[in-house]
Amino acid sequence: MSTPQFSRPGAIDLSALKRPATSSAASAGGAGAPAGTGAYAVVLNEQNFQAELEGSLEAPVVLVFYSPAQAPASAQLAADLELLSDEFAGRFLLGKVDIDTAPQIAQALQITQVPVVALVMQGQLAPLIQQTLPLDELREMLSQVLQAAAAQGLTGRVQPRGVTPPADSEDEEQADPRYLPAEDALAEGDIDRAVAEYQKLVDANPADTEAAGGLAMANVLQRTATADASAVRAAAAEQPDDVGSQTLAADLDLLGGHVEDAFGRLIELIRRTAGEERDAVRAHLLGLFAAVGNEDPRVLKGRQNLASALF
């Protein structure tokens, strides 16, 4: 079964970047290269850039471009992402690019201002955000990125770099075994089985918000599994009032990290529809709210806008 492509128009094939001449120590998986202070972060420079990004064939690489001198807030964003890279414990590698010390990388990727956060999966680069976000929103964004990566079978783990995480893990949150069958199914790219496993949990306990959120996201992945993103967006542009086209485009918006765009698309459609069509769009939107998480500030704002559209 095919899975949705987590990319955006204009993704760059990183194989086109020429690897600079380096010593064997520097080119062997980035060995000897400067590391970040986190266990799963690395400072990227012209020598280790290509070698480190080759790891995106096994696990996602998140790049953050920042400048402590030009934009102090961008440096804080890099620090927050480094904190989260440890929290996600190797599910992605954070590559930190200080554009002041590595201007060649910024020039090659046409980074003209910071901050910029981008995703590299299987050698393809796509932008994620170009602004600072609160830690909770960054965490949610990364969770969605990793769910999409897992749906494509990209489930490798990054080996720790830099400082080893503290051995004391008494307070470390333990994975709930109830969710493991569904999470394993996602990791294997079996979206249909993930939907079925989450549905079992919801049927057994309708108040289980985590299971409901997992089911909602798995449903998004299932609906978009065979979707051609370009065709879907073209159909949505040509048929602005077609419920099927707009809801599928909203799913792709969500998977692409454009959460507010997904919500806004459907809220505007609710304003233009009535009866059963409006009910269908509203139900779809509530599913997207659940996928993102009902405590997320964007969902709270979306609910306010939904109420305004309905009444």
C-alpha atoms as a PDB file:
ATOM      1  CA  MET A   1       0.000   0.000   0.000  1.00  0.00           C
ATOM      2  CA  SER A   2       1.412   3.405  -0.913  1.00  0.00           C
ATOM      3  CA  THR A   3       1.792   6.086   1.705  1.00  0.00           C
ATOM      4  CA  PRO A   4       1.475   9.877   1.559  1.00  0.00           C
ATOM      5  CA  GLN A   5       4.513  11.811   0.468  1.00  0.00           C
ATOM      6  CA  PHE A   6       5.590  14.255   3.161  1.00  0.00           C
ATOM      7  CA  SER A   7       6.985  16.956   0.932  1.00  0.00           C
ATOM      8  CA  ARG A   8       6.244  20.347  -0.494  1.00  0.00           C
ATOM      9  CA  PRO A   9       6.626  21.874  -3.961  1.00  0.00           C
ATOM     10  CA  GLY A  10      10.231  22.770  -4.573  1.00  0.00           C
ATOM     11  CA  ALA A  11      11.811  20.087  -2.400  1.00  0.00           C
ATOM     12  CA  ILE A  12      15.547  19.989  -3.053  1.00  0.00           C
ATOM     13  CA  ASP A  13      17.423  16.836  -3.983  1.00  0.00           C
ATOM     14  CA  LEU A  14      20.370  17.001  -1.609  1.00  0.00           C
ATOM     15  CA  SER A  15      22.392  14.669  -3.776  1.00  0.00           C
ATOM     16  CA  ALA A  16      22.921  17.672  -6.036  1.00  0.00           C
ATOM     17  CA  LEU A  17      25.055  19.328  -3.375  1.00  0.00           C
ATOM     18  CA  LYS A  18      28.714  18.589  -3.962  1.00  0.00           C
ATOM     19  CA  ARG A  19      30.532  16.993  -1.062  1.00  0.00           C
ATOM     20  CA  PRO A  20      33.646  19.054  -0.299  1.00  0.00           C
ATOM     21  CA  ALA A  21      37.011  17.375  -0.070  1.00  0.00           C
ATOM     22  CA  THR A  22      37.492  16.164   3.483  1.00  0.00           C
ATOM     23  CA  SER A  23      39.691  13.873   5.441  1.00  0.00           C
ATOM     24  CA  SER A  24      38.448  10.317   5.894  1.00  0.00           C
ATOM     25  CA  ALA A  25      37.822  11.010   9.575  1.00  0.00           C
ATOM     26  CA  ALA A  26      35.545  13.915   8.807  1.00  0.00           C
ATOM     27  CA  SER A  27      33.571  12.135   6.103  1.00  0.00           C
ATOM     28  CA  ALA A  28      32.926   8.880   7.921  1.00  0.00           C
ATOM     29  CA  GLY A  29      29.430   9.555   9.163  1.00  0.00           C
ATOM     30  CA  GLY A  30      30.476  12.927  10.485  1.00  0.00           C
ATOM     31  CA  ALA A  31      33.061  11.467  12.851  1.00  0.00           C
ATOM     32  CA  GLY A  32      35.241  14.125  14.404  1.00  0.00           C
ATOM     33  CA  ALA A  33      32.775  16.847  13.427  1.00  0.00           C
ATOM     34  CA  PRO A  34      31.608  19.332  16.041  1.00  0.00           C
ATOM     35  CA  ALA A  35      28.626  18.007  17.931  1.00  0.00           C
ATOM     36  CA  GLY A  36      25.674  19.771  19.451  1.00  0.00           C
ATOM     37  CA  THR A  37      25.324  19.739  23.203  1.00  0.00           C
ATOM     38  CA  GLY A  38      22.390  17.324  23.013  1.00  0.00           C
ATOM     39  CA  ALA A  39      22.647  13.591  22.552  1.00  0.00           C
ATOM     40  CA  TYR A  40      20.840  13.714  19.212  1.00  0.00           C
ATOM     41  CA  ALA A  41      22.063  17.044  17.812  1.00  0.00           C
ATOM     42  CA  VAL A  42      25.042  17.873  15.645  1.00  0.00           C
ATOM     43  CA  VAL A  43      26.516  21.179  14.510  1.00  0.00           C
ATOM     44  CA  LEU A  44      26.738  21.097  10.729  1.00  0.00           C
ATOM     45  CA  ASN A  45      29.484  22.646   8.660  1.00  0.00           C
ATOM     46  CA  GLU A  46      30.693  22.387   5.087  1.00  0.00           C
ATOM     47  CA  GLN A  47      32.734  19.280   5.880  1.00  0.00           C
ATOM     48  CA  ASN A  48      30.154  17.089   7.601  1.00  0.00           C
ATOM     49  CA  PHE A  49      26.930  18.368   6.040  1.00  0.00           C
ATOM     50  CA  GLN A  50      26.507  15.825   3.255  1.00  0.00           C
ATOM     51  CA  ALA A  51      27.631  12.872   5.360  1.00  0.00           C
ATOM     52  CA  GLU A  52      25.202  13.656   8.165  1.00  0.00           C
ATOM     53  CA  LEU A  53      22.275  14.175   5.804  1.00  0.00           C
ATOM     54  CA  GLU A  54      22.866  10.788   4.232  1.00  0.00           C
ATOM     55  CA  GLY A  55      21.422   9.481   7.491  1.00  0.00           C
ATOM     56  CA  SER A  56      18.022  10.746   6.327  1.00  0.00           C
ATOM     57  CA  LEU A  57      17.719   7.480   4.410  1.00  0.00           C
ATOM     58  CA  GLU A  58      17.222   5.752   7.778  1.00  0.00           C
ATOM     59  CA  ALA A  59      15.732   8.416  10.075  1.00  0.00           C
ATOM     60  CA  PRO A  60      14.424  11.969   9.590  1.00  0.00           C
ATOM     61  CA  VAL A  61      16.854  14.848   9.907  1.00  0.00           C
ATOM     62  CA  VAL A  62      15.529  18.198  11.119  1.00  0.00           C
ATOM     63  CA  LEU A  63      17.618  21.209  10.148  1.00  0.00           C
ATOM     64  CA  VAL A  64      17.514  24.513  12.005  1.00  0.00           C
ATOM     65  CA  PHE A  65      19.192  27.555  10.489  1.00  0.00           C
ATOM     66  CA  TYR A  66      19.896  30.286  13.017  1.00  0.00           C
ATOM     67  CA  SER A  67      22.160  33.220  13.865  1.00  0.00           C
ATOM     68  CA  PRO A  68      22.859  34.256  17.469  1.00  0.00           C
ATOM     69  CA  ALA A  69      24.257  37.561  16.212  1.00  0.00           C
ATOM     70  CA  GLN A  70      21.570  38.515  13.707  1.00  0.00           C
ATOM     71  CA  ALA A  71      18.491  36.986  15.350  1.00  0.00           C
ATOM     72  CA  PRO A  72      18.843  35.910  19.007  1.00  0.00           C
ATOM     73  CA  ALA A  73      15.333  34.426  18.951  1.00  0.00           C
ATOM     74  CA  SER A  74      16.476  31.999  16.253  1.00  0.00           C
ATOM     75  CA  ALA A  75      19.215  30.732  18.584  1.00  0.00           C
ATOM     76  CA  GLN A  76      16.588  30.080  21.263  1.00  0.00           C
ATOM     77  CA  LEU A  77      14.557  28.140  18.704  1.00  0.00           C
ATOM     78  CA  ALA A  78      17.630  26.011  17.984  1.00  0.00           C
ATOM     79  CA  ALA A  79      18.066  25.405  21.724  1.00  0.00           C
ATOM     80  CA  ASP A  80      14.401  24.383  22.073  1.00  0.00           C
ATOM     81  CA  LEU A  81      14.695  21.957  19.173  1.00  0.00           C
ATOM     82  CA  GLU A  82      17.825  20.502  20.731  1.00  0.00           C
ATOM     83  CA  LEU A  83      15.911  19.920  23.945  1.00  0.00           C
ATOM     84  CA  LEU A  84      13.172  18.165  21.975  1.00  0.00           C
ATOM     85  CA  SER A  85      15.694  16.051  20.050  1.00  0.00           C
ATOM     86  CA  ASP A  86      16.694  14.515  23.388  1.00  0.00           C
ATOM     87  CA  GLU A  87      13.046  14.152  24.381  1.00  0.00           C
ATOM     88  CA  PHE A  88      12.294  12.189  21.194  1.00  0.00           C
ATOM     89  CA  ALA A  89      15.321  10.010  21.967  1.00  0.00           C
ATOM     90  CA  GLY A  90      16.744   9.421  18.519  1.00  0.00           C
ATOM     91  CA  ARG A  91      13.637   9.394  16.383  1.00  0.00           C
ATOM     92  CA  PHE A  92      15.271  12.239  14.448  1.00  0.00           C
ATOM     93  CA  LEU A  93      18.664  13.916  14.215  1.00  0.00           C
ATOM     94  CA  LEU A  94      18.789  17.668  14.731  1.00  0.00           C
ATOM     95  CA  GLY A  95      21.278  19.393  12.444  1.00  0.00           C
ATOM     96  CA  LYS A  96      22.182  22.900  13.620  1.00  0.00           C
ATOM     97  CA  VAL A  97      23.434  25.382  11.031  1.00  0.00           C
ATOM     98  CA  ASP A  98      24.757  28.725  12.290  1.00  0.00           C
ATOM     99  CA  ILE A  99      24.615  30.745   9.098  1.00  0.00           C
ATOM    100  CA  ASP A 100      27.366  33.045  10.361  1.00  0.00           C
ATOM    101  CA  THR A 101      29.885  30.229  10.704  1.00  0.00           C
ATOM    102  CA  ALA A 102      28.585  28.085   7.823  1.00  0.00           C
ATOM    103  CA  PRO A 103      27.466  30.623   5.191  1.00  0.00           C
ATOM    104  CA  GLN A 104      28.166  28.230   2.307  1.00  0.00           C
ATOM    105  CA  ILE A 105      25.387  25.893   3.438  1.00  0.00           C
ATOM    106  CA  ALA A 106      22.901  28.760   3.751  1.00  0.00           C
ATOM    107  CA  GLN A 107      23.848  30.016   0.295  1.00  0.00           C
ATOM    108  CA  ALA A 108      23.551  26.561  -1.279  1.00  0.00           C
ATOM    109  CA  LEU A 109      20.041  26.136   0.127  1.00  0.00           C
ATOM    110  CA  GLN A 110      19.050  29.755  -0.536  1.00  0.00           C
ATOM    111  CA  ILE A 111      18.483  30.564   3.137  1.00  0.00           C
ATOM    112  CA  THR A 112      18.338  34.351   3.197  1.00  0.00           C
ATOM    113  CA  GLN A 113      16.907  34.947   6.658  1.00  0.00           C
ATOM    114  CA  VAL A 114      16.510  33.056   9.909  1.00  0.00           C
ATOM    115  CA  PRO A 115      15.030  31.186  11.577  1.00  0.00           C
ATOM    116  CA  VAL A 116      14.284  28.406   9.134  1.00  0.00           C
ATOM    117  CA  VAL A 117      13.434  24.843  10.146  1.00  0.00           C
ATOM    118  CA  ALA A 118      13.426  22.182   7.431  1.00  0.00           C
ATOM    119  CA  LEU A 119      12.911  18.433   7.212  1.00  0.00           C
ATOM    120  CA  VAL A 120      15.085  15.968   5.312  1.00  0.00           C
ATOM    121  CA  MET A 121      13.660  12.514   4.596  1.00  0.00           C
ATOM    122  CA  GLN A 122      15.287  10.050   2.225  1.00  0.00           C
ATOM    123  CA  GLY A 123      17.483  12.747   0.709  1.00  0.00           C
ATOM    124  CA  GLN A 124      14.676  15.224   0.059  1.00  0.00           C
ATOM    125  CA  LEU A 125      14.470  18.555   1.827  1.00  0.00           C
ATOM    126  CA  ALA A 126      11.257  20.462   2.495  1.00  0.00           C
ATOM    127  CA  PRO A 127      10.600  23.558   4.644  1.00  0.00           C
ATOM    128  CA  LEU A 128       8.653  23.264   7.890  1.00  0.00           C
ATOM    129  CA  ILE A 129       8.549  26.702   9.530  1.00  0.00           C
ATOM    130  CA  GLN A 130      10.168  30.126   9.181  1.00  0.00           C
ATOM    131  CA  GLN A 131       9.273  31.515  12.592  1.00  0.00           C
ATOM    132  CA  THR A 132       9.790  30.856  16.269  1.00  0.00           C
ATOM    133  CA  LEU A 133       7.166  28.763  18.033  1.00  0.00           C
ATOM    134  CA  PRO A 134       6.466  27.879  21.677  1.00  0.00           C
ATOM    135  CA  LEU A 135       7.945  24.617  22.882  1.00  0.00           C
ATOM    136  CA  ASP A 136       4.555  22.841  22.970  1.00  0.00           C
ATOM    137  CA  GLU A 137       3.831  23.763  19.357  1.00  0.00           C
ATOM    138  CA  LEU A 138       7.279  22.602  18.277  1.00  0.00           C
ATOM    139  CA  ARG A 139       6.665  19.293  20.043  1.00  0.00           C
ATOM    140  CA  GLU A 140       3.319  18.847  18.286  1.00  0.00           C
ATOM    141  CA  MET A 141       4.837  19.714  14.913  1.00  0.00           C
ATOM    142  CA  LEU A 142       7.609  17.156  15.395  1.00  0.00           C
ATOM    143  CA  SER A 143       5.096  14.519  16.471  1.00  0.00           C
ATOM    144  CA  GLN A 144       3.189  15.002  13.228  1.00  0.00           C
ATOM    145  CA  VAL A 145       6.400  14.901  11.201  1.00  0.00           C
ATOM    146  CA  LEU A 146       7.416  11.615  12.813  1.00  0.00           C
ATOM    147  CA  GLN A 147       3.973  10.087  12.328  1.00  0.00           C
ATOM    148  CA  ALA A 148       4.158  10.926   8.642  1.00  0.00           C
ATOM    149  CA  ALA A 149       7.697   9.523   8.475  1.00  0.00           C
ATOM    150  CA  ALA A 150       6.587   6.290  10.140  1.00  0.00           C
ATOM    151  CA  ALA A 151       3.731   5.985   7.663  1.00  0.00           C
ATOM    152  CA  GLN A 152       6.364   5.959   4.912  1.00  0.00           C
ATOM    153  CA  GLY A 153       8.369   3.288   6.684  1.00  0.00           C
ATOM    154  CA  LEU A 154      11.110   5.646   7.878  1.00  0.00           C
ATOM    155  CA  THR A 155      11.478   4.331  11.421  1.00  0.00           C
ATOM    156  CA  GLY A 156      15.235   4.169  12.025  1.00  0.00           C
ATOM    157  CA  ARG A 157      16.837   5.540  15.169  1.00  0.00           C
ATOM    158  CA  VAL A 158      19.726   7.962  15.386  1.00  0.00           C
ATOM    159  CA  GLN A 159      22.739   6.928  17.431  1.00  0.00           C
ATOM    160  CA  PRO A 160      23.435   9.312  20.334  1.00  0.00           C
ATOM    161  CA  ARG A 161      25.885  12.136  19.653  1.00  0.00           C
ATOM    162  CA  GLY A 162      27.570  14.558  21.980  1.00  0.00           C
ATOM    163  CA  VAL A 163      26.560  14.266  25.611  1.00  0.00           C
ATOM    164  CA  THR A 164      24.947  11.013  26.695  1.00  0.00           C
ATOM    165  CA  PRO A 165      21.517  11.501  28.288  1.00  0.00           C
ATOM    166  CA  PRO A 166      21.458  11.289  32.092  1.00  0.00           C
ATOM    167  CA  ALA A 167      21.338   7.732  33.417  1.00  0.00           C
ATOM    168  CA  ASP A 168      18.729   8.648  36.020  1.00  0.00           C
ATOM    169  CA  SER A 169      15.433   7.949  34.301  1.00  0.00           C
ATOM    170  CA  GLU A 170      13.108   7.529  37.286  1.00  0.00           C
ATOM    171  CA  ASP A 171      10.890  10.340  36.064  1.00  0.00           C
ATOM    172  CA  GLU A 172      11.038   9.280  32.420  1.00  0.00           C
ATOM    173  CA  GLU A 173       7.580   8.688  31.060  1.00  0.00           C
ATOM    174  CA  GLN A 174       7.026   5.021  30.281  1.00  0.00           C
ATOM    175  CA  ALA A 175       5.248   3.996  27.077  1.00  0.00           C
ATOM    176  CA  ASP A 176       1.729   2.743  27.707  1.00  0.00           C
ATOM    177  CA  PRO A 177       1.612  -0.857  26.410  1.00  0.00           C
ATOM    178  CA  ARG A 178      -1.998  -0.429  25.309  1.00  0.00           C
ATOM    179  CA  TYR A 179      -0.875   1.755  22.430  1.00  0.00           C
ATOM    180  CA  LEU A 180       2.054  -0.375  21.289  1.00  0.00           C
ATOM    181  CA  PRO A 181       0.125  -2.490  18.713  1.00  0.00           C
ATOM    182  CA  ALA A 182      -1.127   0.650  16.955  1.00  0.00           C
ATOM    183  CA  GLU A 183       2.262   2.367  17.167  1.00  0.00           C
ATOM    184  CA  ASP A 184       4.010  -0.731  15.855  1.00  0.00           C
ATOM    185  CA  ALA A 185       1.574  -0.847  12.948  1.00  0.00           C
ATOM    186  CA  LEU A 186       2.368   2.777  12.093  1.00  0.00           C
ATOM    187  CA  ALA A 187       6.083   2.084  12.344  1.00  0.00           C
ATOM    188  CA  GLU A 188       5.650  -0.787   9.867  1.00  0.00           C
ATOM    189  CA  GLY A 189       3.643   1.407   7.506  1.00  0.00           C
ATOM    190  CA  ASP A 190       0.488  -0.674   7.998  1.00  0.00           C
ATOM    191  CA  ILE A 191      -1.994   2.166   8.345  1.00  0.00           C
ATOM    192  CA  ASP A 192      -5.096  -0.005   8.055  1.00  0.00           C
ATOM    193  CA  ARG A 193      -3.955  -2.119  10.999  1.00  0.00           C
ATOM    194  CA  ALA A 194      -3.123   1.025  12.987  1.00  0.00           C
ATOM    195  CA  VAL A 195      -6.659   2.312  12.404  1.00  0.00           C
ATOM    196  CA  ALA A 196      -8.099  -1.006  13.548  1.00  0.00           C
ATOM    197  CA  GLU A 197      -5.940  -1.099  16.694  1.00  0.00           C
ATOM    198  CA  TYR A 198      -6.806   2.470  17.675  1.00  0.00           C
ATOM    199  CA  GLN A 199     -10.485   1.763  16.975  1.00  0.00           C
ATOM    200  CA  LYS A 200     -10.383  -1.143  19.433  1.00  0.00           C
ATOM    201  CA  LEU A 201      -9.055   1.176  22.129  1.00  0.00           C
ATOM    202  CA  VAL A 202     -11.692   3.824  21.444  1.00  0.00           C
ATOM    203  CA  ASP A 203     -14.475   1.235  21.422  1.00  0.00           C
ATOM    204  CA  ALA A 204     -13.261  -0.093  24.782  1.00  0.00           C
ATOM    205  CA  ASN A 205     -12.960   3.376  26.304  1.00  0.00           C
ATOM    206  CA  PRO A 206     -14.532   6.295  24.394  1.00  0.00           C
ATOM    207  CA  ALA A 207     -13.045   8.698  26.964  1.00  0.00           C
ATOM    208  CA  ASP A 208      -9.470   7.718  26.024  1.00  0.00           C
ATOM    209  CA  THR A 209      -8.416  10.965  24.366  1.00  0.00           C
ATOM    210  CA  GLU A 210      -4.969   9.669  23.425  1.00  0.00           C
ATOM    211  CA  ALA A 211      -6.464   6.722  21.565  1.00  0.00           C
ATOM    212  CA  ALA A 212      -9.016   9.011  19.928  1.00  0.00           C
ATOM    213  CA  GLY A 213      -6.248  11.342  18.799  1.00  0.00           C
ATOM    214  CA  GLY A 214      -4.215   8.433  17.451  1.00  0.00           C
ATOM    215  CA  LEU A 215      -7.248   7.110  15.589  1.00  0.00           C
ATOM    216  CA  ALA A 216      -7.934  10.525  14.108  1.00  0.00           C
ATOM    217  CA  MET A 217      -4.353  10.880  12.845  1.00  0.00           C
ATOM    218  CA  ALA A 218      -4.329   7.320  11.525  1.00  0.00           C
ATOM    219  CA  ASN A 219      -7.550   8.114   9.657  1.00  0.00           C
ATOM    220  CA  VAL A 220      -5.842  11.125   8.075  1.00  0.00           C
ATOM    221  CA  LEU A 221      -2.955   8.918   6.975  1.00  0.00           C
ATOM    222  CA  GLN A 222      -5.378   6.319   5.641  1.00  0.00           C
ATOM    223  CA  ARG A 223      -7.404   8.869   3.638  1.00  0.00           C
ATOM    224  CA  THR A 224      -4.269  10.333   2.057  1.00  0.00           C
ATOM    225  CA  ALA A 225      -2.410   7.052   1.505  1.00  0.00           C
ATOM    226  CA  THR A 226      -3.028   6.953  -2.244  1.00  0.00           C
ATOM    227  CA  ALA A 227      -3.573  10.671  -2.790  1.00  0.00           C
ATOM    228  CA  ASP A 228      -1.671  12.561  -5.463  1.00  0.00           C
ATOM    229  CA  ALA A 229      -0.945  15.828  -3.653  1.00  0.00           C
ATOM    230  CA  SER A 230      -0.702  17.902  -6.842  1.00  0.00           C
ATOM    231  CA  ALA A 231      -3.980  16.532  -8.207  1.00  0.00           C
ATOM    232  CA  VAL A 232      -5.747  17.030  -4.883  1.00  0.00           C
ATOM    233  CA  ARG A 233      -4.660  20.650  -4.625  1.00  0.00           C
ATOM    234  CA  ALA A 234      -5.584  21.341  -8.239  1.00  0.00           C
ATOM    235  CA  ALA A 235      -9.053  19.872  -7.684  1.00  0.00           C
ATOM    236  CA  ALA A 236      -9.501  21.925  -4.504  1.00  0.00           C
ATOM    237  CA  ALA A 237      -8.540  25.106  -6.353  1.00  0.00           C
ATOM    238  CA  GLU A 238     -10.944  24.351  -9.208  1.00  0.00           C
ATOM    239  CA  GLN A 239     -13.828  23.268  -6.921  1.00  0.00           C
ATOM    240  CA  PRO A 240     -13.758  25.515  -3.848  1.00  0.00           C
ATOM    241  CA  ASP A 241     -17.181  24.288  -2.661  1.00  0.00           C
ATOM    242  CA  ASP A 242     -16.655  20.575  -3.263  1.00  0.00           C
ATOM    243  CA  VAL A 243     -16.627  18.856   0.126  1.00  0.00           C
ATOM    244  CA  GLY A 244     -14.551  15.845  -0.947  1.00  0.00           C
ATOM    245  CA  SER A 245     -11.853  17.938  -2.608  1.00  0.00           C
ATOM    246  CA  GLN A 246     -11.599  20.409   0.248  1.00  0.00           C
ATOM    247  CA  THR A 247     -11.546  17.865   3.068  1.00  0.00           C
ATOM    248  CA  LEU A 248      -8.812  15.834   1.360  1.00  0.00           C
ATOM    249  CA  ALA A 249      -6.799  18.998   0.751  1.00  0.00           C
ATOM    250  CA  ALA A 250      -7.217  19.858   4.432  1.00  0.00           C
ATOM    251  CA  ASP A 251      -5.824  16.431   5.340  1.00  0.00           C
ATOM    252  CA  LEU A 252      -2.745  17.143   3.229  1.00  0.00           C
ATOM    253  CA  ASP A 253      -2.434  20.596   4.801  1.00  0.00           C
ATOM    254  CA  LEU A 254      -2.390  18.958   8.219  1.00  0.00           C
ATOM    255  CA  LEU A 255       0.203  16.339   7.274  1.00  0.00           C
ATOM    256  CA  GLY A 256       2.345  19.060   5.745  1.00  0.00           C
ATOM    257  CA  GLY A 257       2.398  20.946   9.042  1.00  0.00           C
ATOM    258  CA  HIS A 258      -0.002  23.687   7.888  1.00  0.00           C
ATOM    259  CA  VAL A 259      -2.399  23.077  10.757  1.00  0.00           C
ATOM    260  CA  GLU A 260      -4.038  26.500  10.784  1.00  0.00           C
ATOM    261  CA  ASP A 261      -4.457  26.398   6.987  1.00  0.00           C
ATOM    262  CA  ALA A 262      -6.237  23.049   7.287  1.00  0.00           C
ATOM    263  CA  PHE A 263      -8.597  24.410   9.924  1.00  0.00           C
ATOM    264  CA  GLY A 264      -9.169  27.663   8.041  1.00  0.00           C
ATOM    265  CA  ARG A 265      -9.957  25.858   4.785  1.00  0.00           C
ATOM    266  CA  LEU A 266     -12.744  23.837   6.410  1.00  0.00           C
ATOM    267  CA  ILE A 267     -14.115  26.673   8.529  1.00  0.00           C
ATOM    268  CA  GLU A 268     -14.516  28.813   5.415  1.00  0.00           C
ATOM    269  CA  LEU A 269     -16.218  25.875   3.676  1.00  0.00           C
ATOM    270  CA  ILE A 270     -18.629  25.569   6.611  1.00  0.00           C
ATOM    271  CA  ARG A 271     -19.566  29.218   6.089  1.00  0.00           C
ATOM    272  CA  ARG A 272     -20.470  28.434   2.463  1.00  0.00           C
ATOM    273  CA  THR A 273     -22.376  25.177   2.991  1.00  0.00           C
ATOM    274  CA  ALA A 274     -25.579  24.031   4.679  1.00  0.00           C
ATOM    275  CA  GLY A 275     -27.421  20.904   5.715  1.00  0.00           C
ATOM    276  CA  GLU A 276     -25.723  17.525   5.309  1.00  0.00           C
ATOM    277  CA  GLU A 277     -22.723  18.998   3.529  1.00  0.00           C
ATOM    278  CA  ARG A 278     -22.071  21.377   6.420  1.00  0.00           C
ATOM    279  CA  ASP A 279     -22.453  18.518   8.906  1.00  0.00           C
ATOM    280  CA  ALA A 280     -19.940  16.418   6.964  1.00  0.00           C
ATOM    281  CA  VAL A 281     -17.381  19.223   6.904  1.00  0.00           C
ATOM    282  CA  ARG A 282     -17.910  19.930  10.602  1.00  0.00           C
ATOM    283  CA  ALA A 283     -17.392  16.242  11.480  1.00  0.00           C
ATOM    284  CA  HIS A 284     -14.218  16.158   9.399  1.00  0.00           C
ATOM    285  CA  LEU A 285     -12.906  19.279  11.112  1.00  0.00           C
ATOM    286  CA  LEU A 286     -13.573  17.811  14.552  1.00  0.00           C
ATOM    287  CA  GLY A 287     -11.532  14.798  13.489  1.00  0.00           C
ATOM    288  CA  LEU A 288      -8.625  17.065  12.576  1.00  0.00           C
ATOM    289  CA  PHE A 289      -8.953  18.812  15.945  1.00  0.00           C
ATOM    290  CA  ALA A 290      -8.616  15.406  17.635  1.00  0.00           C
ATOM    291  CA  ALA A 291      -5.602  14.522  15.485  1.00  0.00           C
ATOM    292  CA  VAL A 292      -3.767  17.664  16.560  1.00  0.00           C
ATOM    293  CA  GLY A 293      -4.861  17.485  20.203  1.00  0.00           C
ATOM    294  CA  ASN A 294      -7.703  19.259  21.925  1.00  0.00           C
ATOM    295  CA  GLU A 295      -5.372  21.188  24.241  1.00  0.00           C
ATOM    296  CA  ASP A 296      -3.341  22.641  21.377  1.00  0.00           C
ATOM    297  CA  PRO A 297      -3.723  26.454  21.170  1.00  0.00           C
ATOM    298  CA  ARG A 298      -4.419  26.193  17.446  1.00  0.00           C
ATOM    299  CA  VAL A 299      -7.305  23.822  18.160  1.00  0.00           C
ATOM    300  CA  LEU A 300      -8.707  26.145  20.822  1.00  0.00           C
ATOM    301  CA  LYS A 301      -8.611  29.003  18.336  1.00  0.00           C
ATOM    302  CA  GLY A 302     -10.069  26.759  15.641  1.00  0.00           C
ATOM    303  CA  ARG A 303     -12.998  25.858  17.898  1.00  0.00           C
ATOM    304  CA  GLN A 304     -13.697  29.545  18.465  1.00  0.00           C
ATOM    305  CA  ASN A 305     -13.662  30.182  14.728  1.00  0.00           C
ATOM    306  CA  LEU A 306     -15.886  27.159  14.154  1.00  0.00           C
ATOM    307  CA  ALA A 307     -18.450  28.452  16.628  1.00  0.00           C
ATOM    308  CA  SER A 308     -18.390  31.811  14.859  1.00  0.00           C
ATOM    309  CA  ALA A 309     -18.924  30.132  11.484  1.00  0.00           C
ATOM    310  CA  LEU A 310     -21.819  28.030  12.760  1.00  0.00           C
ATOM    311  CA  PHE A 311     -23.642  30.734  14.674  1.00  0.00           C
END
